[in-house]
């Protein structure tokens, strides 16, 4: 049974990680996209407008991965805490290990997932 405190932790972590993912995804999208203006004039603006949805995709992917990482960490930490009936650093380590496992699987790298 998840209590009110655990639900608040979960909501706080998911919100914070979503905001962080949106921020870092925006930076990555800005750096990875080609410049909007070039020597081609107006014709180059037409082709660059097709890259705008791609930037949203990059930002959305980053935000969702960060949110999923926050969710996984919180569920691992709170689950370990309620299973062991103790509040100590081991709970955070279990949450971190599960997050590393999830991130390894999201990149399709079983070696990273297994190492965590």
C-alpha atoms as a PDB file:
ATOM      1  CA  UNK A   1       0.000   0.000   0.000  1.00  0.00           C
ATOM      2  CA  UNK A   2       1.510   3.310  -1.094  1.00  0.00           C
ATOM      3  CA  UNK A   3       0.987   6.044   1.461  1.00  0.00           C
ATOM      4  CA  UNK A   4       0.510   9.748   0.968  1.00  0.00           C
ATOM      5  CA  UNK A   5       4.187  10.558   1.648  1.00  0.00           C
ATOM      6  CA  UNK A   6       5.348   8.125  -1.023  1.00  0.00           C
ATOM      7  CA  UNK A   7       2.867   9.495  -3.556  1.00  0.00           C
ATOM      8  CA  UNK A   8       4.117  13.026  -2.884  1.00  0.00           C
ATOM      9  CA  UNK A   9       7.724  11.860  -3.378  1.00  0.00           C
ATOM     10  CA  UNK A  10       6.761  10.182  -6.626  1.00  0.00           C
ATOM     11  CA  UNK A  11       4.921  13.233  -7.971  1.00  0.00           C
ATOM     12  CA  UNK A  12       7.735  15.580  -6.946  1.00  0.00           C
ATOM     13  CA  UNK A  13      10.447  13.459  -8.532  1.00  0.00           C
ATOM     14  CA  UNK A  14       8.544  12.894 -11.778  1.00  0.00           C
ATOM     15  CA  UNK A  15       7.807  16.620 -12.085  1.00  0.00           C
ATOM     16  CA  UNK A  16      11.387  17.638 -11.342  1.00  0.00           C
ATOM     17  CA  UNK A  17      12.838  15.082 -13.738  1.00  0.00           C
ATOM     18  CA  UNK A  18      10.388  16.042 -16.505  1.00  0.00           C
ATOM     19  CA  UNK A  19      11.388  19.685 -16.183  1.00  0.00           C
ATOM     20  CA  UNK A  20      15.079  18.717 -16.177  1.00  0.00           C
ATOM     21  CA  UNK A  21      14.602  16.501 -19.224  1.00  0.00           C
ATOM     22  CA  UNK A  22      12.799  19.265 -21.079  1.00  0.00           C
ATOM     23  CA  UNK A  23      15.600  21.697 -20.261  1.00  0.00           C
ATOM     24  CA  UNK A  24      18.428  19.383 -21.326  1.00  0.00           C
ATOM     25  CA  UNK A  25      16.468  18.147 -24.334  1.00  0.00           C
ATOM     26  CA  UNK A  26      15.991  21.739 -25.473  1.00  0.00           C
ATOM     27  CA  UNK A  27      19.706  22.389 -25.199  1.00  0.00           C
ATOM     28  CA  UNK A  28      20.498  19.199 -27.111  1.00  0.00           C
ATOM     29  CA  UNK A  29      17.946  20.008 -29.813  1.00  0.00           C
ATOM     30  CA  UNK A  30      19.385  23.506 -30.202  1.00  0.00           C
ATOM     31  CA  UNK A  31      22.918  22.175 -30.564  1.00  0.00           C
ATOM     32  CA  UNK A  32      22.125  19.226 -32.816  1.00  0.00           C
ATOM     33  CA  UNK A  33      19.874  21.062 -35.300  1.00  0.00           C
ATOM     34  CA  UNK A  34      21.409  22.805 -38.305  1.00  0.00           C
ATOM     35  CA  UNK A  35      21.178  26.604 -38.342  1.00  0.00           C
ATOM     36  CA  UNK A  36      17.895  28.100 -39.558  1.00  0.00           C
ATOM     37  CA  UNK A  37      19.390  30.720 -41.843  1.00  0.00           C
ATOM     38  CA  UNK A  38      21.949  30.066 -44.547  1.00  0.00           C
ATOM     39  CA  UNK A  39      23.114  31.591 -47.802  1.00  0.00           C
ATOM     40  CA  UNK A  40      20.186  29.975 -49.623  1.00  0.00           C
ATOM     41  CA  UNK A  41      17.709  32.677 -48.612  1.00  0.00           C
ATOM     42  CA  UNK A  42      14.004  31.885 -48.196  1.00  0.00           C
ATOM     43  CA  UNK A  43      14.215  28.421 -49.739  1.00  0.00           C
ATOM     44  CA  UNK A  44      16.429  27.266 -46.872  1.00  0.00           C
ATOM     45  CA  UNK A  45      13.771  28.383 -44.369  1.00  0.00           C
ATOM     46  CA  UNK A  46      11.307  25.979 -45.947  1.00  0.00           C
ATOM     47  CA  UNK A  47      13.577  22.996 -45.393  1.00  0.00           C
ATOM     48  CA  UNK A  48      14.500  24.039 -41.860  1.00  0.00           C
ATOM     49  CA  UNK A  49      10.828  24.318 -40.862  1.00  0.00           C
ATOM     50  CA  UNK A  50      10.615  20.567 -41.397  1.00  0.00           C
ATOM     51  CA  UNK A  51      13.151  20.170 -38.609  1.00  0.00           C
ATOM     52  CA  UNK A  52      10.935  21.882 -36.027  1.00  0.00           C
ATOM     53  CA  UNK A  53       8.916  18.692 -35.304  1.00  0.00           C
ATOM     54  CA  UNK A  54      12.240  16.849 -35.014  1.00  0.00           C
ATOM     55  CA  UNK A  55      13.283  19.254 -32.246  1.00  0.00           C
ATOM     56  CA  UNK A  56      10.032  18.534 -30.400  1.00  0.00           C
ATOM     57  CA  UNK A  57      10.741  14.834 -30.742  1.00  0.00           C
ATOM     58  CA  UNK A  58      14.211  15.256 -29.228  1.00  0.00           C
ATOM     59  CA  UNK A  59      12.878  17.347 -26.340  1.00  0.00           C
ATOM     60  CA  UNK A  60       9.978  14.957 -25.708  1.00  0.00           C
ATOM     61  CA  UNK A  61      12.238  11.925 -25.729  1.00  0.00           C
ATOM     62  CA  UNK A  62      14.604  13.525 -23.221  1.00  0.00           C
ATOM     63  CA  UNK A  63      11.756  14.615 -20.955  1.00  0.00           C
ATOM     64  CA  UNK A  64      10.187  11.162 -20.996  1.00  0.00           C
ATOM     65  CA  UNK A  65      13.483   9.376 -20.276  1.00  0.00           C
ATOM     66  CA  UNK A  66      14.216  11.726 -17.374  1.00  0.00           C
ATOM     67  CA  UNK A  67      10.665  11.301 -16.015  1.00  0.00           C
ATOM     68  CA  UNK A  68      10.931   7.526 -16.290  1.00  0.00           C
ATOM     69  CA  UNK A  69      14.281   7.639 -14.505  1.00  0.00           C
ATOM     70  CA  UNK A  70      12.748   9.670 -11.674  1.00  0.00           C
ATOM     71  CA  UNK A  71       9.816   7.272 -11.479  1.00  0.00           C
ATOM     72  CA  UNK A  72      12.083   4.220 -11.416  1.00  0.00           C
ATOM     73  CA  UNK A  73      14.347   5.713  -8.749  1.00  0.00           C
ATOM     74  CA  UNK A  74      11.439   6.686  -6.508  1.00  0.00           C
ATOM     75  CA  UNK A  75       9.652   3.357  -6.866  1.00  0.00           C
ATOM     76  CA  UNK A  76      12.889   1.470  -6.148  1.00  0.00           C
ATOM     77  CA  UNK A  77      13.750   3.619  -3.146  1.00  0.00           C
ATOM     78  CA  UNK A  78      10.267   3.651  -1.635  1.00  0.00           C
ATOM     79  CA  UNK A  79       9.729  -0.038  -2.401  1.00  0.00           C
ATOM     80  CA  UNK A  80      12.978  -0.988  -0.695  1.00  0.00           C
ATOM     81  CA  UNK A  81      12.175   1.306   2.216  1.00  0.00           C
ATOM     82  CA  UNK A  82       8.764  -0.261   2.785  1.00  0.00           C
ATOM     83  CA  UNK A  83      10.088  -3.810   2.275  1.00  0.00           C
ATOM     84  CA  UNK A  84      12.938  -3.375   4.781  1.00  0.00           C
ATOM     85  CA  UNK A  85      11.135  -0.982   7.179  1.00  0.00           C
ATOM     86  CA  UNK A  86      14.291   1.141   7.369  1.00  0.00           C
ATOM     87  CA  UNK A  87      15.288   4.567   6.090  1.00  0.00           C
ATOM     88  CA  UNK A  88      18.974   4.374   5.200  1.00  0.00           C
ATOM     89  CA  UNK A  89      21.276   4.914   2.186  1.00  0.00           C
ATOM     90  CA  UNK A  90      20.766   1.353   0.929  1.00  0.00           C
ATOM     91  CA  UNK A  91      17.288   2.328  -0.256  1.00  0.00           C
ATOM     92  CA  UNK A  92      18.758   5.057  -2.453  1.00  0.00           C
ATOM     93  CA  UNK A  93      21.354   2.626  -3.770  1.00  0.00           C
ATOM     94  CA  UNK A  94      18.624   0.173  -4.779  1.00  0.00           C
ATOM     95  CA  UNK A  95      16.699   2.979  -6.494  1.00  0.00           C
ATOM     96  CA  UNK A  96      19.873   4.073  -8.301  1.00  0.00           C
ATOM     97  CA  UNK A  97      20.655   0.528  -9.419  1.00  0.00           C
ATOM     98  CA  UNK A  98      17.160   0.100 -10.824  1.00  0.00           C
ATOM     99  CA  UNK A  99      17.456   3.447 -12.598  1.00  0.00           C
ATOM    100  CA  UNK A 100      20.775   2.409 -14.146  1.00  0.00           C
ATOM    101  CA  UNK A 101      19.190  -0.853 -15.262  1.00  0.00           C
ATOM    102  CA  UNK A 102      16.274   1.024 -16.850  1.00  0.00           C
ATOM    103  CA  UNK A 103      18.595   3.485 -18.622  1.00  0.00           C
ATOM    104  CA  UNK A 104      20.695   0.605 -19.957  1.00  0.00           C
ATOM    105  CA  UNK A 105      17.579  -1.062 -21.334  1.00  0.00           C
ATOM    106  CA  UNK A 106      16.355   2.208 -22.871  1.00  0.00           C
ATOM    107  CA  UNK A 107      19.625   2.450 -24.839  1.00  0.00           C
ATOM    108  CA  UNK A 108      19.408  -1.258 -25.740  1.00  0.00           C
ATOM    109  CA  UNK A 109      22.722  -1.869 -24.000  1.00  0.00           C
ATOM    110  CA  UNK A 110      22.422  -5.012 -21.917  1.00  0.00           C
ATOM    111  CA  UNK A 111      26.016  -4.670 -20.718  1.00  0.00           C
ATOM    112  CA  UNK A 112      25.184  -1.339 -19.056  1.00  0.00           C
ATOM    113  CA  UNK A 113      21.926  -2.695 -17.670  1.00  0.00           C
ATOM    114  CA  UNK A 114      23.671  -5.745 -16.227  1.00  0.00           C
ATOM    115  CA  UNK A 115      26.511  -3.673 -14.762  1.00  0.00           C
ATOM    116  CA  UNK A 116      24.121  -1.590 -12.731  1.00  0.00           C
END
